[in-house]
C-alpha cells in the first residue's frame, strides 16, 4: 500500500480544473470568433475549423502513437489543444491558404506542447509559436490573407484613417480574423475576469504600457488610443500573454513581466512601424524562468530569521 503524503498547512482547495478553465476561455473567445466570421465570411470559418480540428487531431494521434488507449485519451483530454487551435485560427487572415492553419496547429501541438510533456510542460505559448512558425515559413502566403472586412468603416475620417469607433468595433479594419473587433475581445476578457480565470491588472498593464511607450518614443500622445486599439494587442494581452504556464508565479513577477512586455512591444512597434505582439510575447516567455528565479514567493507564515550578532572584539574573558 502506498503511503499517503500530506504537506504542511494551510491547504487551499478549489473547483477550478484545467478543463473548466479551457472551456471558459473558449466561451470568452466566441464573441470575437463570431464577429470575425461575420466580417470576413465563410473563408474565416473554414480557417478556424481547420486549425481547431488539426490541433485536436494532432494530440489524439500523438497519444495513439505513444500507445495510449482511446479511453485514456478521452479521460485525459482537457481542451487545451482546442484552445490552441481556436487561438491560432483567429490569429490568421481569412484568405490564408488552407494548409497554413493545419501546419500551424500540428507544429503548435506536436512540437511545442506534446514533445515537451503535454499540458503545463511547454515553456512558450503554443498558439503564438505556431503563428510565428507560419509567418517565418510562409510569410508571403500568410500575409496575403490580411483583407479588409466586408463591412465598411462606420465613421470614416477625412484623412482616410479609421475612427476610434471603427477600431473598437472592427468595421473597416484589416487584420486577422479575431483581432479586429476590440469590443468583442473586451467582452470576452470581462467574462474571464468574472469567472476568475485571469486577473484584470495584467492585460491592462500590458495594453497601457504599450501605448505609453509608443507615444513617448514617437513624442506624440495622440497615438495612444489608436495604438492600443490597433493590431493584435488586445487579443494578445487578454488571451495569450496571460497563459498560466508561460507567466511568472508571483504577483510581483507578473507586474514586472507585463510591464517589460509592454515596453518591448511599444518599442518594437515604434521602430518597425508594424505588428510585433506575437514576437514580443514569445521573447518574454523565455524570461519567465529568470523572473521566477529572482522573485520567489514567501511561504505562508514565513518569518525572516535574525542574523546572529557578531561577537564583540576585544572582549575580556
C-alpha atoms as a PDB file:
ATOM      1  CA  UNK A   1       0.000   0.000   0.000  1.00  0.00           C
ATOM      2  CA  UNK A   2       1.368   3.413  -0.964  1.00  0.00           C
ATOM      3  CA  UNK A   3       1.928   5.941   1.800  1.00  0.00           C
ATOM      4  CA  UNK A   4      -0.338   8.964   1.905  1.00  0.00           C
ATOM      5  CA  UNK A   5       1.790  12.101   1.933  1.00  0.00           C
ATOM      6  CA  UNK A   6       0.270  15.244   3.413  1.00  0.00           C
ATOM      7  CA  UNK A   7       2.053  18.585   3.188  1.00  0.00           C
ATOM      8  CA  UNK A   8       2.071  21.221   5.875  1.00  0.00           C
ATOM      9  CA  UNK A   9      -0.914  23.521   6.290  1.00  0.00           C
ATOM     10  CA  UNK A  10      -2.517  25.680   5.057  1.00  0.00           C
ATOM     11  CA  UNK A  11      -4.298  23.743   2.307  1.00  0.00           C
ATOM     12  CA  UNK A  12      -6.157  25.525  -0.474  1.00  0.00           C
ATOM     13  CA  UNK A  13      -8.999  23.742  -2.225  1.00  0.00           C
ATOM     14  CA  UNK A  14     -10.843  25.000  -5.280  1.00  0.00           C
ATOM     15  CA  UNK A  15     -13.203  23.860  -8.008  1.00  0.00           C
ATOM     16  CA  UNK A  16     -11.051  25.110 -10.871  1.00  0.00           C
ATOM     17  CA  UNK A  17      -9.711  22.456 -13.223  1.00  0.00           C
ATOM     18  CA  UNK A  18      -7.754  22.767 -16.447  1.00  0.00           C
ATOM     19  CA  UNK A  19     -10.766  21.508 -18.399  1.00  0.00           C
ATOM     20  CA  UNK A  20     -13.116  24.050 -16.837  1.00  0.00           C
ATOM     21  CA  UNK A  21     -10.698  26.910 -17.383  1.00  0.00           C
ATOM     22  CA  UNK A  22     -10.156  25.989 -21.034  1.00  0.00           C
ATOM     23  CA  UNK A  23     -13.910  25.788 -21.638  1.00  0.00           C
ATOM     24  CA  UNK A  24     -14.225  29.263 -20.125  1.00  0.00           C
ATOM     25  CA  UNK A  25     -11.529  30.551 -22.476  1.00  0.00           C
ATOM     26  CA  UNK A  26     -13.338  29.092 -25.481  1.00  0.00           C
ATOM     27  CA  UNK A  27     -16.601  30.705 -24.360  1.00  0.00           C
ATOM     28  CA  UNK A  28     -14.782  34.020 -23.952  1.00  0.00           C
ATOM     29  CA  UNK A  29     -13.396  33.738 -27.491  1.00  0.00           C
ATOM     30  CA  UNK A  30     -16.842  33.176 -29.033  1.00  0.00           C
ATOM     31  CA  UNK A  31     -17.784  36.880 -29.480  1.00  0.00           C
ATOM     32  CA  UNK A  32     -14.561  37.690 -31.357  1.00  0.00           C
ATOM     33  CA  UNK A  33     -14.802  34.453 -33.356  1.00  0.00           C
ATOM     34  CA  UNK A  34     -18.378  35.137 -34.448  1.00  0.00           C
ATOM     35  CA  UNK A  35     -17.515  38.759 -35.268  1.00  0.00           C
ATOM     36  CA  UNK A  36     -14.580  37.584 -37.399  1.00  0.00           C
ATOM     37  CA  UNK A  37     -16.802  35.208 -39.365  1.00  0.00           C
ATOM     38  CA  UNK A  38     -19.399  37.973 -39.879  1.00  0.00           C
ATOM     39  CA  UNK A  39     -16.702  40.406 -41.041  1.00  0.00           C
ATOM     40  CA  UNK A  40     -14.692  38.054 -43.254  1.00  0.00           C
ATOM     41  CA  UNK A  41     -17.147  35.382 -44.403  1.00  0.00           C
ATOM     42  CA  UNK A  42     -17.002  31.631 -44.908  1.00  0.00           C
ATOM     43  CA  UNK A  43     -13.251  31.557 -45.533  1.00  0.00           C
ATOM     44  CA  UNK A  44     -12.744  32.755 -41.976  1.00  0.00           C
ATOM     45  CA  UNK A  45     -14.954  29.949 -40.660  1.00  0.00           C
ATOM     46  CA  UNK A  46     -13.025  27.401 -42.747  1.00  0.00           C
ATOM     47  CA  UNK A  47      -9.667  28.635 -41.423  1.00  0.00           C
ATOM     48  CA  UNK A  48     -10.859  28.394 -37.820  1.00  0.00           C
ATOM     49  CA  UNK A  49     -12.359  24.916 -38.275  1.00  0.00           C
ATOM     50  CA  UNK A  50      -9.217  23.579 -39.971  1.00  0.00           C
ATOM     51  CA  UNK A  51      -6.995  24.927 -37.190  1.00  0.00           C
ATOM     52  CA  UNK A  52      -9.268  23.600 -34.446  1.00  0.00           C
ATOM     53  CA  UNK A  53      -9.685  20.096 -35.908  1.00  0.00           C
ATOM     54  CA  UNK A  54      -5.967  19.830 -36.731  1.00  0.00           C
ATOM     55  CA  UNK A  55      -4.966  20.789 -33.183  1.00  0.00           C
ATOM     56  CA  UNK A  56      -7.263  18.223 -31.557  1.00  0.00           C
ATOM     57  CA  UNK A  57      -6.305  15.526 -34.081  1.00  0.00           C
ATOM     58  CA  UNK A  58      -2.590  16.203 -33.516  1.00  0.00           C
ATOM     59  CA  UNK A  59      -2.866  15.494 -29.791  1.00  0.00           C
ATOM     60  CA  UNK A  60      -5.008  12.389 -30.343  1.00  0.00           C
ATOM     61  CA  UNK A  61      -2.633  10.950 -32.960  1.00  0.00           C
ATOM     62  CA  UNK A  62       0.398  11.697 -30.783  1.00  0.00           C
ATOM     63  CA  UNK A  63      -1.147   9.853 -27.841  1.00  0.00           C
ATOM     64  CA  UNK A  64      -2.162   6.917 -30.054  1.00  0.00           C
ATOM     65  CA  UNK A  65       1.416   6.650 -31.320  1.00  0.00           C
ATOM     66  CA  UNK A  66       2.505   6.577 -27.665  1.00  0.00           C
ATOM     67  CA  UNK A  67       0.168   3.550 -27.354  1.00  0.00           C
ATOM     68  CA  UNK A  68      -2.375   5.187 -25.068  1.00  0.00           C
ATOM     69  CA  UNK A  69      -5.861   3.719 -25.119  1.00  0.00           C
ATOM     70  CA  UNK A  70      -8.802   5.621 -26.569  1.00  0.00           C
ATOM     71  CA  UNK A  71     -10.454   5.572 -23.138  1.00  0.00           C
ATOM     72  CA  UNK A  72      -7.352   7.113 -21.563  1.00  0.00           C
ATOM     73  CA  UNK A  73      -7.139   9.791 -24.268  1.00  0.00           C
ATOM     74  CA  UNK A  74     -10.760  10.801 -23.737  1.00  0.00           C
ATOM     75  CA  UNK A  75     -10.279  10.869 -19.964  1.00  0.00           C
ATOM     76  CA  UNK A  76      -7.115  12.990 -20.170  1.00  0.00           C
ATOM     77  CA  UNK A  77      -8.381  15.420 -22.795  1.00  0.00           C
ATOM     78  CA  UNK A  78      -8.518  18.841 -21.157  1.00  0.00           C
ATOM     79  CA  UNK A  79      -9.427  21.117 -24.122  1.00  0.00           C
ATOM     80  CA  UNK A  80      -6.022  22.855 -24.131  1.00  0.00           C
ATOM     81  CA  UNK A  81      -5.481  21.740 -27.725  1.00  0.00           C
ATOM     82  CA  UNK A  82      -8.919  23.076 -28.653  1.00  0.00           C
ATOM     83  CA  UNK A  83      -7.998  26.482 -27.238  1.00  0.00           C
ATOM     84  CA  UNK A  84      -4.662  26.424 -29.071  1.00  0.00           C
ATOM     85  CA  UNK A  85      -6.353  25.589 -32.374  1.00  0.00           C
ATOM     86  CA  UNK A  86      -9.024  28.246 -31.919  1.00  0.00           C
ATOM     87  CA  UNK A  87      -6.470  30.910 -30.983  1.00  0.00           C
ATOM     88  CA  UNK A  88      -4.241  30.029 -33.917  1.00  0.00           C
ATOM     89  CA  UNK A  89      -7.195  30.081 -36.318  1.00  0.00           C
ATOM     90  CA  UNK A  90      -8.390  33.547 -35.311  1.00  0.00           C
ATOM     91  CA  UNK A  91      -4.794  34.806 -35.450  1.00  0.00           C
ATOM     92  CA  UNK A  92      -4.656  34.118 -39.191  1.00  0.00           C
ATOM     93  CA  UNK A  93      -6.071  36.092 -42.091  1.00  0.00           C
ATOM     94  CA  UNK A  94      -9.279  34.830 -43.659  1.00  0.00           C
ATOM     95  CA  UNK A  95      -7.588  34.398 -47.044  1.00  0.00           C
ATOM     96  CA  UNK A  96      -4.617  32.402 -45.750  1.00  0.00           C
ATOM     97  CA  UNK A  97      -4.021  29.194 -47.763  1.00  0.00           C
ATOM     98  CA  UNK A  98      -5.937  26.191 -46.440  1.00  0.00           C
ATOM     99  CA  UNK A  99      -2.795  24.322 -45.444  1.00  0.00           C
ATOM    100  CA  UNK A 100      -1.442  27.039 -43.122  1.00  0.00           C
ATOM    101  CA  UNK A 101      -3.885  26.502 -40.217  1.00  0.00           C
ATOM    102  CA  UNK A 102      -3.266  22.752 -40.478  1.00  0.00           C
ATOM    103  CA  UNK A 103       0.530  23.002 -40.428  1.00  0.00           C
ATOM    104  CA  UNK A 104       0.472  25.685 -37.743  1.00  0.00           C
ATOM    105  CA  UNK A 105      -1.706  23.579 -35.451  1.00  0.00           C
ATOM    106  CA  UNK A 106       0.399  20.450 -35.966  1.00  0.00           C
ATOM    107  CA  UNK A 107       3.559  22.392 -35.123  1.00  0.00           C
ATOM    108  CA  UNK A 108       1.980  24.070 -32.084  1.00  0.00           C
ATOM    109  CA  UNK A 109       0.622  20.847 -30.584  1.00  0.00           C
ATOM    110  CA  UNK A 110       3.246  18.256 -31.533  1.00  0.00           C
ATOM    111  CA  UNK A 111       6.463  20.272 -31.373  1.00  0.00           C
ATOM    112  CA  UNK A 112       5.701  22.956 -28.795  1.00  0.00           C
ATOM    113  CA  UNK A 113       3.315  21.102 -26.473  1.00  0.00           C
ATOM    114  CA  UNK A 114       3.410  17.294 -26.649  1.00  0.00           C
ATOM    115  CA  UNK A 115       7.145  16.767 -27.224  1.00  0.00           C
ATOM    116  CA  UNK A 116       7.817  18.751 -24.054  1.00  0.00           C
ATOM    117  CA  UNK A 117       5.476  16.616 -21.973  1.00  0.00           C
ATOM    118  CA  UNK A 118       1.983  17.926 -22.677  1.00  0.00           C
ATOM    119  CA  UNK A 119      -0.181  20.359 -20.753  1.00  0.00           C
ATOM    120  CA  UNK A 120       1.774  22.526 -18.334  1.00  0.00           C
ATOM    121  CA  UNK A 121       5.184  21.440 -19.633  1.00  0.00           C
ATOM    122  CA  UNK A 122       5.527  23.825 -22.594  1.00  0.00           C
ATOM    123  CA  UNK A 123       7.807  26.787 -21.888  1.00  0.00           C
ATOM    124  CA  UNK A 124       6.352  29.003 -24.641  1.00  0.00           C
ATOM    125  CA  UNK A 125       2.759  29.619 -25.731  1.00  0.00           C
ATOM    126  CA  UNK A 126       1.871  27.007 -28.397  1.00  0.00           C
ATOM    127  CA  UNK A 127      -0.576  29.208 -30.353  1.00  0.00           C
ATOM    128  CA  UNK A 128       1.885  32.085 -30.581  1.00  0.00           C
ATOM    129  CA  UNK A 129       4.708  29.755 -31.546  1.00  0.00           C
ATOM    130  CA  UNK A 130       2.507  28.209 -34.246  1.00  0.00           C
ATOM    131  CA  UNK A 131       1.685  31.643 -35.660  1.00  0.00           C
ATOM    132  CA  UNK A 132       5.330  32.759 -35.652  1.00  0.00           C
ATOM    133  CA  UNK A 133       6.272  29.475 -37.345  1.00  0.00           C
ATOM    134  CA  UNK A 134       3.763  30.173 -40.129  1.00  0.00           C
ATOM    135  CA  UNK A 135       4.860  33.780 -40.615  1.00  0.00           C
ATOM    136  CA  UNK A 136       8.519  32.761 -40.792  1.00  0.00           C
ATOM    137  CA  UNK A 137       7.863  29.774 -43.078  1.00  0.00           C
ATOM    138  CA  UNK A 138       5.086  31.111 -45.308  1.00  0.00           C
ATOM    139  CA  UNK A 139       5.362  34.859 -44.813  1.00  0.00           C
ATOM    140  CA  UNK A 140       4.060  35.916 -48.213  1.00  0.00           C
ATOM    141  CA  UNK A 141       1.205  33.411 -48.208  1.00  0.00           C
ATOM    142  CA  UNK A 142       0.084  34.249 -44.657  1.00  0.00           C
ATOM    143  CA  UNK A 143       0.489  37.984 -45.240  1.00  0.00           C
ATOM    144  CA  UNK A 144      -1.784  37.886 -48.274  1.00  0.00           C
ATOM    145  CA  UNK A 145      -4.619  36.831 -46.007  1.00  0.00           C
ATOM    146  CA  UNK A 146      -4.991  40.246 -44.351  1.00  0.00           C
ATOM    147  CA  UNK A 147      -8.004  41.761 -46.087  1.00  0.00           C
ATOM    148  CA  UNK A 148     -10.462  44.440 -45.072  1.00  0.00           C
ATOM    149  CA  UNK A 149     -13.805  43.057 -43.830  1.00  0.00           C
ATOM    150  CA  UNK A 150     -16.940  43.119 -45.956  1.00  0.00           C
ATOM    151  CA  UNK A 151     -18.481  45.642 -43.534  1.00  0.00           C
ATOM    152  CA  UNK A 152     -17.042  49.116 -44.333  1.00  0.00           C
ATOM    153  CA  UNK A 153     -15.916  51.739 -41.858  1.00  0.00           C
ATOM    154  CA  UNK A 154     -18.783  53.194 -39.845  1.00  0.00           C
ATOM    155  CA  UNK A 155     -17.293  56.670 -39.359  1.00  0.00           C
ATOM    156  CA  UNK A 156     -14.572  57.248 -41.961  1.00  0.00           C
ATOM    157  CA  UNK A 157     -12.406  60.306 -41.278  1.00  0.00           C
ATOM    158  CA  UNK A 158     -11.396  62.940 -43.797  1.00  0.00           C
ATOM    159  CA  UNK A 159      -7.751  61.890 -43.548  1.00  0.00           C
ATOM    160  CA  UNK A 160      -8.626  58.351 -44.594  1.00  0.00           C
ATOM    161  CA  UNK A 161      -7.683  56.888 -41.199  1.00  0.00           C
ATOM    162  CA  UNK A 162     -10.155  54.767 -39.296  1.00  0.00           C
ATOM    163  CA  UNK A 163     -12.023  56.416 -36.432  1.00  0.00           C
ATOM    164  CA  UNK A 164     -11.610  55.181 -32.854  1.00  0.00           C
ATOM    165  CA  UNK A 165     -15.162  53.817 -33.010  1.00  0.00           C
ATOM    166  CA  UNK A 166     -14.321  51.741 -36.089  1.00  0.00           C
ATOM    167  CA  UNK A 167     -11.161  50.451 -34.416  1.00  0.00           C
ATOM    168  CA  UNK A 168     -13.211  49.477 -31.384  1.00  0.00           C
ATOM    169  CA  UNK A 169     -15.998  47.748 -33.308  1.00  0.00           C
ATOM    170  CA  UNK A 170     -13.799  46.327 -36.074  1.00  0.00           C
ATOM    171  CA  UNK A 171     -15.653  47.828 -39.049  1.00  0.00           C
ATOM    172  CA  UNK A 172     -13.328  48.543 -41.942  1.00  0.00           C
ATOM    173  CA  UNK A 173     -10.340  47.144 -40.041  1.00  0.00           C
ATOM    174  CA  UNK A 174      -7.963  44.877 -41.964  1.00  0.00           C
ATOM    175  CA  UNK A 175      -6.289  42.167 -39.941  1.00  0.00           C
ATOM    176  CA  UNK A 176      -6.563  38.642 -38.641  1.00  0.00           C
ATOM    177  CA  UNK A 177      -9.954  37.033 -38.113  1.00  0.00           C
ATOM    178  CA  UNK A 178     -10.209  37.535 -34.369  1.00  0.00           C
ATOM    179  CA  UNK A 179      -8.203  40.656 -33.657  1.00  0.00           C
ATOM    180  CA  UNK A 180     -10.307  43.299 -35.429  1.00  0.00           C
ATOM    181  CA  UNK A 181     -13.291  43.673 -33.054  1.00  0.00           C
ATOM    182  CA  UNK A 182     -11.789  45.000 -29.828  1.00  0.00           C
ATOM    183  CA  UNK A 183     -15.183  45.339 -28.155  1.00  0.00           C
ATOM    184  CA  UNK A 184     -15.812  41.609 -28.611  1.00  0.00           C
ATOM    185  CA  UNK A 185     -12.388  40.792 -27.181  1.00  0.00           C
ATOM    186  CA  UNK A 186     -13.027  43.076 -24.191  1.00  0.00           C
ATOM    187  CA  UNK A 187     -16.385  41.365 -23.570  1.00  0.00           C
ATOM    188  CA  UNK A 188     -14.561  38.025 -23.554  1.00  0.00           C
ATOM    189  CA  UNK A 189     -11.941  39.437 -21.200  1.00  0.00           C
ATOM    190  CA  UNK A 190     -14.598  40.671 -18.763  1.00  0.00           C
ATOM    191  CA  UNK A 191     -16.120  37.177 -18.781  1.00  0.00           C
ATOM    192  CA  UNK A 192     -12.731  35.654 -17.861  1.00  0.00           C
ATOM    193  CA  UNK A 193     -12.240  38.189 -15.059  1.00  0.00           C
ATOM    194  CA  UNK A 194     -15.719  37.477 -13.628  1.00  0.00           C
ATOM    195  CA  UNK A 195     -15.042  33.739 -13.814  1.00  0.00           C
ATOM    196  CA  UNK A 196     -11.734  34.232 -12.012  1.00  0.00           C
ATOM    197  CA  UNK A 197      -9.680  32.862 -14.892  1.00  0.00           C
ATOM    198  CA  UNK A 198      -7.482  35.941 -15.350  1.00  0.00           C
ATOM    199  CA  UNK A 199      -6.538  38.973 -13.255  1.00  0.00           C
ATOM    200  CA  UNK A 200      -7.647  42.213 -14.931  1.00  0.00           C
ATOM    201  CA  UNK A 201      -4.495  44.018 -13.804  1.00  0.00           C
ATOM    202  CA  UNK A 202      -2.068  42.162 -16.047  1.00  0.00           C
ATOM    203  CA  UNK A 203      -3.586  42.654 -19.518  1.00  0.00           C
ATOM    204  CA  UNK A 204      -4.409  46.246 -18.512  1.00  0.00           C
ATOM    205  CA  UNK A 205      -0.779  46.897 -17.588  1.00  0.00           C
ATOM    206  CA  UNK A 206       0.394  45.395 -20.879  1.00  0.00           C
ATOM    207  CA  UNK A 207      -2.008  47.440 -23.016  1.00  0.00           C
ATOM    208  CA  UNK A 208      -1.436  50.770 -21.235  1.00  0.00           C
ATOM    209  CA  UNK A 209       2.364  50.446 -21.066  1.00  0.00           C
ATOM    210  CA  UNK A 210       2.493  49.569 -24.778  1.00  0.00           C
ATOM    211  CA  UNK A 211       0.511  52.682 -25.698  1.00  0.00           C
ATOM    212  CA  UNK A 212       2.534  54.938 -23.395  1.00  0.00           C
ATOM    213  CA  UNK A 213       5.861  53.577 -24.609  1.00  0.00           C
ATOM    214  CA  UNK A 214       4.995  54.092 -28.262  1.00  0.00           C
ATOM    215  CA  UNK A 215       3.635  57.601 -27.574  1.00  0.00           C
ATOM    216  CA  UNK A 216       6.761  58.613 -25.653  1.00  0.00           C
ATOM    217  CA  UNK A 217       9.038  57.107 -28.281  1.00  0.00           C
ATOM    218  CA  UNK A 218       7.201  58.981 -31.057  1.00  0.00           C
ATOM    219  CA  UNK A 219       6.724  62.136 -28.908  1.00  0.00           C
ATOM    220  CA  UNK A 220       3.071  62.128 -29.912  1.00  0.00           C
ATOM    221  CA  UNK A 221       0.441  61.249 -27.304  1.00  0.00           C
ATOM    222  CA  UNK A 222      -2.341  61.439 -29.880  1.00  0.00           C
ATOM    223  CA  UNK A 223      -1.125  57.988 -30.925  1.00  0.00           C
ATOM    224  CA  UNK A 224      -2.018  56.437 -27.568  1.00  0.00           C
ATOM    225  CA  UNK A 225      -5.616  55.360 -28.242  1.00  0.00           C
ATOM    226  CA  UNK A 226      -5.101  54.354 -31.904  1.00  0.00           C
ATOM    227  CA  UNK A 227      -2.071  52.292 -30.916  1.00  0.00           C
ATOM    228  CA  UNK A 228      -3.845  50.264 -28.216  1.00  0.00           C
ATOM    229  CA  UNK A 229      -6.865  49.688 -30.470  1.00  0.00           C
ATOM    230  CA  UNK A 230      -4.778  48.565 -33.444  1.00  0.00           C
ATOM    231  CA  UNK A 231      -3.376  45.190 -34.415  1.00  0.00           C
ATOM    232  CA  UNK A 232      -3.390  42.174 -32.124  1.00  0.00           C
ATOM    233  CA  UNK A 233      -2.546  43.942 -28.871  1.00  0.00           C
ATOM    234  CA  UNK A 234      -5.904  43.417 -27.138  1.00  0.00           C
ATOM    235  CA  UNK A 235      -6.174  39.809 -28.375  1.00  0.00           C
ATOM    236  CA  UNK A 236      -2.624  39.033 -27.265  1.00  0.00           C
ATOM    237  CA  UNK A 237      -2.959  40.815 -23.917  1.00  0.00           C
ATOM    238  CA  UNK A 238      -6.164  39.076 -22.828  1.00  0.00           C
ATOM    239  CA  UNK A 239      -5.900  35.611 -24.323  1.00  0.00           C
ATOM    240  CA  UNK A 240      -2.229  34.775 -24.928  1.00  0.00           C
ATOM    241  CA  UNK A 241       0.035  36.809 -22.667  1.00  0.00           C
ATOM    242  CA  UNK A 242      -1.993  35.646 -19.636  1.00  0.00           C
ATOM    243  CA  UNK A 243      -1.291  31.948 -20.243  1.00  0.00           C
ATOM    244  CA  UNK A 244      -0.721  30.337 -16.809  1.00  0.00           C
ATOM    245  CA  UNK A 245       2.153  28.144 -17.946  1.00  0.00           C
ATOM    246  CA  UNK A 246       4.215  30.892 -19.581  1.00  0.00           C
ATOM    247  CA  UNK A 247       3.831  33.658 -16.983  1.00  0.00           C
ATOM    248  CA  UNK A 248       5.590  34.147 -13.620  1.00  0.00           C
ATOM    249  CA  UNK A 249       4.378  32.529 -10.412  1.00  0.00           C
ATOM    250  CA  UNK A 250       4.130  35.661  -8.274  1.00  0.00           C
ATOM    251  CA  UNK A 251       2.163  38.909  -8.407  1.00  0.00           C
ATOM    252  CA  UNK A 252       5.354  40.964  -8.353  1.00  0.00           C
ATOM    253  CA  UNK A 253       6.839  38.786 -11.066  1.00  0.00           C
ATOM    254  CA  UNK A 254       3.754  39.284 -13.241  1.00  0.00           C
ATOM    255  CA  UNK A 255       3.855  43.053 -12.787  1.00  0.00           C
ATOM    256  CA  UNK A 256       7.491  43.040 -13.897  1.00  0.00           C
ATOM    257  CA  UNK A 257       6.695  40.678 -16.768  1.00  0.00           C
ATOM    258  CA  UNK A 258       3.740  42.593 -18.209  1.00  0.00           C
ATOM    259  CA  UNK A 259       5.433  45.969 -17.757  1.00  0.00           C
ATOM    260  CA  UNK A 260       8.529  44.765 -19.603  1.00  0.00           C
ATOM    261  CA  UNK A 261       6.320  43.160 -22.257  1.00  0.00           C
ATOM    262  CA  UNK A 262       4.524  46.472 -22.812  1.00  0.00           C
ATOM    263  CA  UNK A 263       7.774  48.398 -23.109  1.00  0.00           C
ATOM    264  CA  UNK A 264       9.186  45.845 -25.539  1.00  0.00           C
ATOM    265  CA  UNK A 265       6.038  45.829 -27.683  1.00  0.00           C
ATOM    266  CA  UNK A 266       5.845  49.635 -27.752  1.00  0.00           C
ATOM    267  CA  UNK A 267       9.469  49.980 -28.837  1.00  0.00           C
ATOM    268  CA  UNK A 268       9.159  47.255 -31.493  1.00  0.00           C
ATOM    269  CA  UNK A 269       6.035  48.884 -32.880  1.00  0.00           C
ATOM    270  CA  UNK A 270       7.601  52.343 -32.893  1.00  0.00           C
ATOM    271  CA  UNK A 271      10.792  51.188 -34.601  1.00  0.00           C
ATOM    272  CA  UNK A 272       9.322  48.740 -37.118  1.00  0.00           C
ATOM    273  CA  UNK A 273       6.062  50.548 -37.786  1.00  0.00           C
ATOM    274  CA  UNK A 274       4.303  47.178 -37.850  1.00  0.00           C
ATOM    275  CA  UNK A 275       2.862  44.482 -35.615  1.00  0.00           C
ATOM    276  CA  UNK A 276       5.084  42.863 -33.008  1.00  0.00           C
ATOM    277  CA  UNK A 277       2.794  41.384 -30.351  1.00  0.00           C
ATOM    278  CA  UNK A 278       3.394  37.697 -31.115  1.00  0.00           C
ATOM    279  CA  UNK A 279       7.165  38.075 -31.291  1.00  0.00           C
ATOM    280  CA  UNK A 280       7.318  40.110 -28.075  1.00  0.00           C
ATOM    281  CA  UNK A 281       5.193  37.642 -26.102  1.00  0.00           C
ATOM    282  CA  UNK A 282       7.325  34.791 -27.427  1.00  0.00           C
ATOM    283  CA  UNK A 283      10.547  36.578 -26.415  1.00  0.00           C
ATOM    284  CA  UNK A 284       9.198  37.363 -22.944  1.00  0.00           C
ATOM    285  CA  UNK A 285       8.172  33.718 -22.453  1.00  0.00           C
ATOM    286  CA  UNK A 286      11.876  32.898 -22.331  1.00  0.00           C
ATOM    287  CA  UNK A 287      12.426  35.335 -19.430  1.00  0.00           C
ATOM    288  CA  UNK A 288       9.869  33.713 -17.111  1.00  0.00           C
ATOM    289  CA  UNK A 289      12.300  31.194 -15.518  1.00  0.00           C
ATOM    290  CA  UNK A 290      14.707  34.069 -14.839  1.00  0.00           C
ATOM    291  CA  UNK A 291      11.972  36.201 -13.260  1.00  0.00           C
ATOM    292  CA  UNK A 292      10.823  33.276 -11.096  1.00  0.00           C
ATOM    293  CA  UNK A 293      14.399  32.660 -10.020  1.00  0.00           C
ATOM    294  CA  UNK A 294      14.883  36.158  -8.612  1.00  0.00           C
ATOM    295  CA  UNK A 295      11.320  36.874  -7.459  1.00  0.00           C
ATOM    296  CA  UNK A 296      10.470  33.980  -5.164  1.00  0.00           C
ATOM    297  CA  UNK A 297       7.184  33.831  -3.196  1.00  0.00           C
ATOM    298  CA  UNK A 298       7.472  33.724   0.588  1.00  0.00           C
ATOM    299  CA  UNK A 299       5.868  30.674   2.258  1.00  0.00           C
ATOM    300  CA  UNK A 300       2.756  31.364   4.321  1.00  0.00           C
ATOM    301  CA  UNK A 301       3.726  32.352   7.859  1.00  0.00           C
ATOM    302  CA  UNK A 302       7.388  32.784   6.908  1.00  0.00           C
ATOM    303  CA  UNK A 303       9.451  34.779   9.406  1.00  0.00           C
ATOM    304  CA  UNK A 304      12.855  36.027   8.337  1.00  0.00           C
ATOM    305  CA  UNK A 305      15.465  34.568  10.688  1.00  0.00           C
ATOM    306  CA  UNK A 306      17.512  37.026  12.669  1.00  0.00           C
ATOM    307  CA  UNK A 307      21.188  37.181  11.892  1.00  0.00           C
ATOM    308  CA  UNK A 308      23.411  36.182  14.835  1.00  0.00           C
ATOM    309  CA  UNK A 309      25.152  39.140  16.408  1.00  0.00           C
ATOM    310  CA  UNK A 310      28.875  39.199  15.816  1.00  0.00           C
ATOM    311  CA  UNK A 311      30.999  38.673  18.883  1.00  0.00           C
ATOM    312  CA  UNK A 312      32.433  41.867  20.230  1.00  0.00           C
ATOM    313  CA  UNK A 313      36.107  42.177  19.505  1.00  0.00           C
ATOM    314  CA  UNK A 314      38.439  42.659  22.384  1.00  0.00           C
ATOM    315  CA  UNK A 315      36.025  41.307  24.951  1.00  0.00           C
ATOM    316  CA  UNK A 316      37.884  40.242  28.110  1.00  0.00           C
ATOM    317  CA  UNK A 317      37.444  36.633  29.171  1.00  0.00           C
END
